[in-house]
C-alpha atoms as a PDB file:
ATOM      1  CA  UNK A   1      -1.189  19.001 -20.911  1.00  0.00           C
ATOM      2  CA  UNK A   2      -4.516  20.644 -19.945  1.00  0.00           C
ATOM      3  CA  UNK A   3      -6.218  20.995 -16.980  1.00  0.00           C
ATOM      4  CA  UNK A   4      -9.006  18.582 -17.879  1.00  0.00           C
ATOM      5  CA  UNK A   5      -6.784  16.179 -19.178  1.00  0.00           C
ATOM      6  CA  UNK A   6      -5.182  15.741 -16.078  1.00  0.00           C
ATOM      7  CA  UNK A   7      -8.072  15.170 -14.707  1.00  0.00           C
ATOM      8  CA  UNK A   8      -9.380  12.671 -17.157  1.00  0.00           C
ATOM      9  CA  UNK A   9      -6.174  10.981 -16.477  1.00  0.00           C
ATOM     10  CA  UNK A  10      -6.124  11.033 -13.018  1.00  0.00           C
ATOM     11  CA  UNK A  11      -9.755  10.001 -12.211  1.00  0.00           C
ATOM     12  CA  UNK A  12      -8.494   7.167 -14.291  1.00  0.00           C
ATOM     13  CA  UNK A  13      -5.137   6.083 -12.704  1.00  0.00           C
ATOM     14  CA  UNK A  14      -7.054   6.455  -9.328  1.00  0.00           C
ATOM     15  CA  UNK A  15     -10.344   3.773 -10.371  1.00  0.00           C
ATOM     16  CA  UNK A  16      -7.692   1.318 -11.628  1.00  0.00           C
ATOM     17  CA  UNK A  17      -5.826   2.143  -8.029  1.00  0.00           C
ATOM     18  CA  UNK A  18      -9.253   1.213  -6.520  1.00  0.00           C
ATOM     19  CA  UNK A  19      -9.500  -1.170  -8.312  1.00  0.00           C
ATOM     20  CA  UNK A  20      -6.755  -3.318  -7.489  1.00  0.00           C
ATOM     21  CA  UNK A  21      -7.013  -2.188  -3.575  1.00  0.00           C
ATOM     22  CA  UNK A  22     -10.450  -3.412  -4.003  1.00  0.00           C
ATOM     23  CA  UNK A  23      -9.030  -7.031  -5.189  1.00  0.00           C
ATOM     24  CA  UNK A  24      -6.333  -7.633  -2.604  1.00  0.00           C
ATOM     25  CA  UNK A  25      -8.828  -6.659   0.237  1.00  0.00           C
ATOM     26  CA  UNK A  26     -11.496  -8.898  -1.143  1.00  0.00           C
ATOM     27  CA  UNK A  27      -8.623 -11.903  -0.962  1.00  0.00           C
ATOM     28  CA  UNK A  28      -8.601 -10.776   3.070  1.00  0.00           C
ATOM     29  CA  UNK A  29     -12.068 -12.210   2.952  1.00  0.00           C
ATOM     30  CA  UNK A  30     -10.928 -14.912   0.892  1.00  0.00           C
ATOM     31  CA  UNK A  31      -8.424 -16.615   3.146  1.00  0.00           C
ATOM     32  CA  UNK A  32     -10.929 -16.455   5.936  1.00  0.00           C
ATOM     33  CA  UNK A  33     -13.968 -18.137   3.488  1.00  0.00           C
ATOM     34  CA  UNK A  34     -11.444 -20.645   2.578  1.00  0.00           C
ATOM     35  CA  UNK A  35     -11.025 -21.380   5.905  1.00  0.00           C
ATOM     36  CA  UNK A  36     -14.612 -21.621   7.046  1.00  0.00           C
ATOM     37  CA  UNK A  37     -14.749 -24.646   4.532  1.00  0.00           C
ATOM     38  CA  UNK A  38     -11.636 -26.037   5.959  1.00  0.00           C
ATOM     39  CA  UNK A  39     -13.062 -25.915   9.142  1.00  0.00           C
ATOM     40  CA  UNK A  40     -16.540 -27.186   8.341  1.00  0.00           C
ATOM     41  CA  UNK A  41     -14.929 -30.207   6.987  1.00  0.00           C
ATOM     42  CA  UNK A  42     -12.456 -31.188   9.508  1.00  0.00           C
ATOM     43  CA  UNK A  43      -9.110 -30.718   7.783  1.00  0.00           C
ATOM     44  CA  UNK A  44      -6.007 -30.017   9.983  1.00  0.00           C
ATOM     45  CA  UNK A  45      -2.413 -31.230   9.788  1.00  0.00           C
ATOM     46  CA  UNK A  46      -1.082 -32.698  12.979  1.00  0.00           C
ATOM     47  CA  UNK A  47       1.753 -30.594  14.146  1.00  0.00           C
ATOM     48  CA  UNK A  48       3.761 -30.967  16.766  1.00  0.00           C
ATOM     49  CA  UNK A  49       2.862 -28.299  19.731  1.00  0.00           C
ATOM     50  CA  UNK A  50       6.514 -26.838  19.795  1.00  0.00           C
ATOM     51  CA  UNK A  51       6.583 -26.885  16.395  1.00  0.00           C
ATOM     52  CA  UNK A  52       3.501 -24.842  16.411  1.00  0.00           C
ATOM     53  CA  UNK A  53       4.181 -22.769  19.586  1.00  0.00           C
ATOM     54  CA  UNK A  54       7.586 -21.577  17.539  1.00  0.00           C
ATOM     55  CA  UNK A  55       5.302 -20.682  14.354  1.00  0.00           C
ATOM     56  CA  UNK A  56       2.694 -18.516  16.524  1.00  0.00           C
ATOM     57  CA  UNK A  57       5.779 -16.297  17.846  1.00  0.00           C
ATOM     58  CA  UNK A  58       7.608 -15.891  14.397  1.00  0.00           C
ATOM     59  CA  UNK A  59       4.110 -15.134  13.187  1.00  0.00           C
ATOM     60  CA  UNK A  60       3.097 -12.939  16.183  1.00  0.00           C
ATOM     61  CA  UNK A  61       6.204 -10.695  14.799  1.00  0.00           C
ATOM     62  CA  UNK A  62       6.155 -11.168  11.675  1.00  0.00           C
ATOM     63  CA  UNK A  63       2.514  -9.924  11.333  1.00  0.00           C
ATOM     64  CA  UNK A  64       2.722  -6.186  12.627  1.00  0.00           C
ATOM     65  CA  UNK A  65       7.019  -5.904  11.390  1.00  0.00           C
ATOM     66  CA  UNK A  66       4.936  -6.415   7.748  1.00  0.00           C
ATOM     67  CA  UNK A  67       2.024  -3.597   8.503  1.00  0.00           C
ATOM     68  CA  UNK A  68       4.940  -0.914   9.092  1.00  0.00           C
ATOM     69  CA  UNK A  69       7.445  -2.558   6.395  1.00  0.00           C
ATOM     70  CA  UNK A  70       4.287  -2.142   3.871  1.00  0.00           C
ATOM     71  CA  UNK A  71       3.357   1.334   4.778  1.00  0.00           C
ATOM     72  CA  UNK A  72       7.004   2.473   4.788  1.00  0.00           C
ATOM     73  CA  UNK A  73       8.139   0.951   1.501  1.00  0.00           C
ATOM     74  CA  UNK A  74       4.951   2.647  -0.279  1.00  0.00           C
ATOM     75  CA  UNK A  75       5.968   5.621   1.582  1.00  0.00           C
ATOM     76  CA  UNK A  76       9.697   5.661   0.515  1.00  0.00           C
ATOM     77  CA  UNK A  77       9.027   4.747  -2.441  1.00  0.00           C
ATOM     78  CA  UNK A  78       6.893   7.772  -3.045  1.00  0.00           C
ATOM     79  CA  UNK A  79       9.152  10.449  -1.631  1.00  0.00           C
ATOM     80  CA  UNK A  80      12.046   8.904  -3.929  1.00  0.00           C
ATOM     81  CA  UNK A  81       9.702   9.404  -7.175  1.00  0.00           C
ATOM     82  CA  UNK A  82       9.451  12.904  -5.907  1.00  0.00           C
ATOM     83  CA  UNK A  83      12.169  13.468  -6.162  1.00  0.00           C
ATOM     84  CA  UNK A  84      13.498  11.987  -9.538  1.00  0.00           C
ATOM     85  CA  UNK A  85      10.422  13.966 -10.928  1.00  0.00           C
ATOM     86  CA  UNK A  86      10.187  13.029 -14.148  1.00  0.00           C
ATOM     87  CA  UNK A  87      13.721  12.510 -14.815  1.00  0.00           C
ATOM     88  CA  UNK A  88      13.183   9.454 -17.540  1.00  0.00           C
ATOM     89  CA  UNK A  89      14.865   8.739 -20.830  1.00  0.00           C
ATOM     90  CA  UNK A  90      13.111   9.972 -23.931  1.00  0.00           C
ATOM     91  CA  UNK A  91      12.879   6.312 -25.568  1.00  0.00           C
ATOM     92  CA  UNK A  92      10.978   5.836 -22.399  1.00  0.00           C
ATOM     93  CA  UNK A  93       8.608   8.720 -22.505  1.00  0.00           C
ATOM     94  CA  UNK A  94       7.513   8.335 -26.557  1.00  0.00           C
ATOM     95  CA  UNK A  95       6.519   4.915 -25.577  1.00  0.00           C
ATOM     96  CA  UNK A  96       4.369   5.466 -22.201  1.00  0.00           C
ATOM     97  CA  UNK A  97       1.014   5.203 -22.362  1.00  0.00           C
ATOM     98  CA  UNK A  98       0.664   7.240 -19.414  1.00  0.00           C
ATOM     99  CA  UNK A  99       3.247  10.202 -17.765  1.00  0.00           C
ATOM    100  CA  UNK A 100       5.245   8.013 -15.448  1.00  0.00           C
ATOM    101  CA  UNK A 101       4.600   9.504 -12.403  1.00  0.00           C
ATOM    102  CA  UNK A 102       0.858   7.544 -12.957  1.00  0.00           C
ATOM    103  CA  UNK A 103       3.113   3.861 -13.590  1.00  0.00           C
ATOM    104  CA  UNK A 104       5.233   4.796 -10.516  1.00  0.00           C
ATOM    105  CA  UNK A 105       2.444   5.061  -8.064  1.00  0.00           C
ATOM    106  CA  UNK A 106       0.618   1.845  -9.154  1.00  0.00           C
ATOM    107  CA  UNK A 107       3.741   0.570  -8.314  1.00  0.00           C
ATOM    108  CA  UNK A 108       4.300   1.855  -5.167  1.00  0.00           C
ATOM    109  CA  UNK A 109       0.699   1.107  -4.271  1.00  0.00           C
ATOM    110  CA  UNK A 110       1.034  -2.581  -5.572  1.00  0.00           C
ATOM    111  CA  UNK A 111       4.087  -3.094  -3.889  1.00  0.00           C
ATOM    112  CA  UNK A 112       2.476  -2.254  -0.244  1.00  0.00           C
ATOM    113  CA  UNK A 113      -0.777  -4.500  -1.168  1.00  0.00           C
ATOM    114  CA  UNK A 114       1.606  -7.507  -1.666  1.00  0.00           C
ATOM    115  CA  UNK A 115       2.997  -6.738   1.622  1.00  0.00           C
ATOM    116  CA  UNK A 116       0.394  -5.813   3.452  1.00  0.00           C
ATOM    117  CA  UNK A 117      -0.915  -9.661   2.284  1.00  0.00           C
ATOM    118  CA  UNK A 118       1.749 -11.674   4.052  1.00  0.00           C
ATOM    119  CA  UNK A 119       0.099 -11.493   7.326  1.00  0.00           C
ATOM    120  CA  UNK A 120      -3.520 -13.036   6.385  1.00  0.00           C
ATOM    121  CA  UNK A 121      -1.139 -16.001   4.335  1.00  0.00           C
ATOM    122  CA  UNK A 122       0.998 -16.129   7.709  1.00  0.00           C
ATOM    123  CA  UNK A 123      -2.348 -16.810   9.775  1.00  0.00           C
ATOM    124  CA  UNK A 124      -4.088 -19.098   7.438  1.00  0.00           C
ATOM    125  CA  UNK A 125      -1.503 -21.696   6.825  1.00  0.00           C
ATOM    126  CA  UNK A 126      -1.136 -21.395  11.168  1.00  0.00           C
ATOM    127  CA  UNK A 127      -4.620 -22.617  10.780  1.00  0.00           C
ATOM    128  CA  UNK A 128      -3.986 -25.184   8.485  1.00  0.00           C
ATOM    129  CA  UNK A 129      -1.290 -26.409  10.903  1.00  0.00           C
ATOM    130  CA  UNK A 130      -3.851 -26.712  13.687  1.00  0.00           C
ATOM    131  CA  UNK A 131      -4.265 -22.808  14.976  1.00  0.00           C
ATOM    132  CA  UNK A 132      -7.897 -21.510  16.477  1.00  0.00           C
ATOM    133  CA  UNK A 133     -10.426 -19.435  13.485  1.00  0.00           C
ATOM    134  CA  UNK A 134      -9.682 -16.042  15.641  1.00  0.00           C
ATOM    135  CA  UNK A 135      -5.977 -15.943  14.585  1.00  0.00           C
ATOM    136  CA  UNK A 136      -6.584 -16.366  11.334  1.00  0.00           C
ATOM    137  CA  UNK A 137      -9.048 -13.568  12.152  1.00  0.00           C
ATOM    138  CA  UNK A 138      -6.144 -11.547  14.454  1.00  0.00           C
ATOM    139  CA  UNK A 139      -4.191 -12.016  10.995  1.00  0.00           C
ATOM    140  CA  UNK A 140      -6.553 -10.758   8.450  1.00  0.00           C
ATOM    141  CA  UNK A 141      -7.603  -7.847  10.901  1.00  0.00           C
ATOM    142  CA  UNK A 142      -3.627  -6.576  10.916  1.00  0.00           C
ATOM    143  CA  UNK A 143      -3.909  -6.874   6.449  1.00  0.00           C
ATOM    144  CA  UNK A 144      -6.958  -5.085   6.316  1.00  0.00           C
ATOM    145  CA  UNK A 145      -5.534  -2.436   8.528  1.00  0.00           C
ATOM    146  CA  UNK A 146      -2.138  -2.145   6.540  1.00  0.00           C
ATOM    147  CA  UNK A 147      -4.549  -2.382   3.341  1.00  0.00           C
ATOM    148  CA  UNK A 148      -6.774   0.315   4.878  1.00  0.00           C
ATOM    149  CA  UNK A 149      -3.327   2.575   5.423  1.00  0.00           C
ATOM    150  CA  UNK A 150      -2.354   1.887   2.066  1.00  0.00           C
ATOM    151  CA  UNK A 151      -5.374   2.587   0.019  1.00  0.00           C
ATOM    152  CA  UNK A 152      -4.998   5.125  -2.869  1.00  0.00           C
ATOM    153  CA  UNK A 153      -4.627   8.663  -2.205  1.00  0.00           C
ATOM    154  CA  UNK A 154      -5.379  11.008  -4.818  1.00  0.00           C
ATOM    155  CA  UNK A 155      -2.585  13.381  -2.829  1.00  0.00           C
ATOM    156  CA  UNK A 156      -0.180  11.198  -3.421  1.00  0.00           C
ATOM    157  CA  UNK A 157      -0.838  11.246  -7.247  1.00  0.00           C
ATOM    158  CA  UNK A 158      -1.044  15.045  -7.563  1.00  0.00           C
ATOM    159  CA  UNK A 159       1.992  14.710  -6.210  1.00  0.00           C
ATOM    160  CA  UNK A 160       3.901  12.832  -8.316  1.00  0.00           C
ATOM    161  CA  UNK A 161       2.088  14.786 -11.259  1.00  0.00           C
ATOM    162  CA  UNK A 162       3.656  18.469  -9.592  1.00  0.00           C
ATOM    163  CA  UNK A 163       7.020  16.715  -9.189  1.00  0.00           C
ATOM    164  CA  UNK A 164       6.920  15.604 -12.676  1.00  0.00           C
ATOM    165  CA  UNK A 165       6.164  18.978 -13.599  1.00  0.00           C
ATOM    166  CA  UNK A 166       8.588  20.947 -12.210  1.00  0.00           C
ATOM    167  CA  UNK A 167      11.320  19.042 -13.688  1.00  0.00           C
ATOM    168  CA  UNK A 168      12.236  18.774 -16.782  1.00  0.00           C
ATOM    169  CA  UNK A 169      13.555  15.760 -18.631  1.00  0.00           C
ATOM    170  CA  UNK A 170      16.441  18.627 -20.918  1.00  0.00           C
ATOM    171  CA  UNK A 171      17.825  19.900 -17.564  1.00  0.00           C
ATOM    172  CA  UNK A 172      19.922  18.323 -14.074  1.00  0.00           C
ATOM    173  CA  UNK A 173      18.409  20.736 -11.631  1.00  0.00           C
ATOM    174  CA  UNK A 174      17.338  19.015  -8.935  1.00  0.00           C
ATOM    175  CA  UNK A 175      13.507  19.331  -7.978  1.00  0.00           C
ATOM    176  CA  UNK A 176      11.629  21.981  -6.283  1.00  0.00           C
ATOM    177  CA  UNK A 177      10.115  21.214  -3.320  1.00  0.00           C
END
């Protein structure tokens, strides 16, 4: 692939990743907006205090854990993809509209962003169970932090491209580091 074509492809891939990232990040704001609307209507579920306490303890363990897991899943997937190089069968390569490494970068980002959404969803559930808006905002902050850490990165895409170029589908040699 020529340098100019590769640059266009990478720009297009990064635009797609930024659109997905922006949508997932804005969804955190949507949870907060819905919470403000719900609170204005005075809607809350009556839950026993001990059940709410258990849910809060689980949530404060789950929220930070999901931030770490989201980042590690993406790092693991990207490392595995770099090690795999471009080892795909000819049929898959013939059908692909973009290089395999672009799809892999998108997949890793979507997985990590989905996991990044877990804290705000849990905070929203706690909010609906009667917890304060401040607790929801703390969970939303965790989700936003995870989204920030998992933003699209051009260097990751370039590393996958180099890995794909270093390994031919017609050889069994391991990818060069």
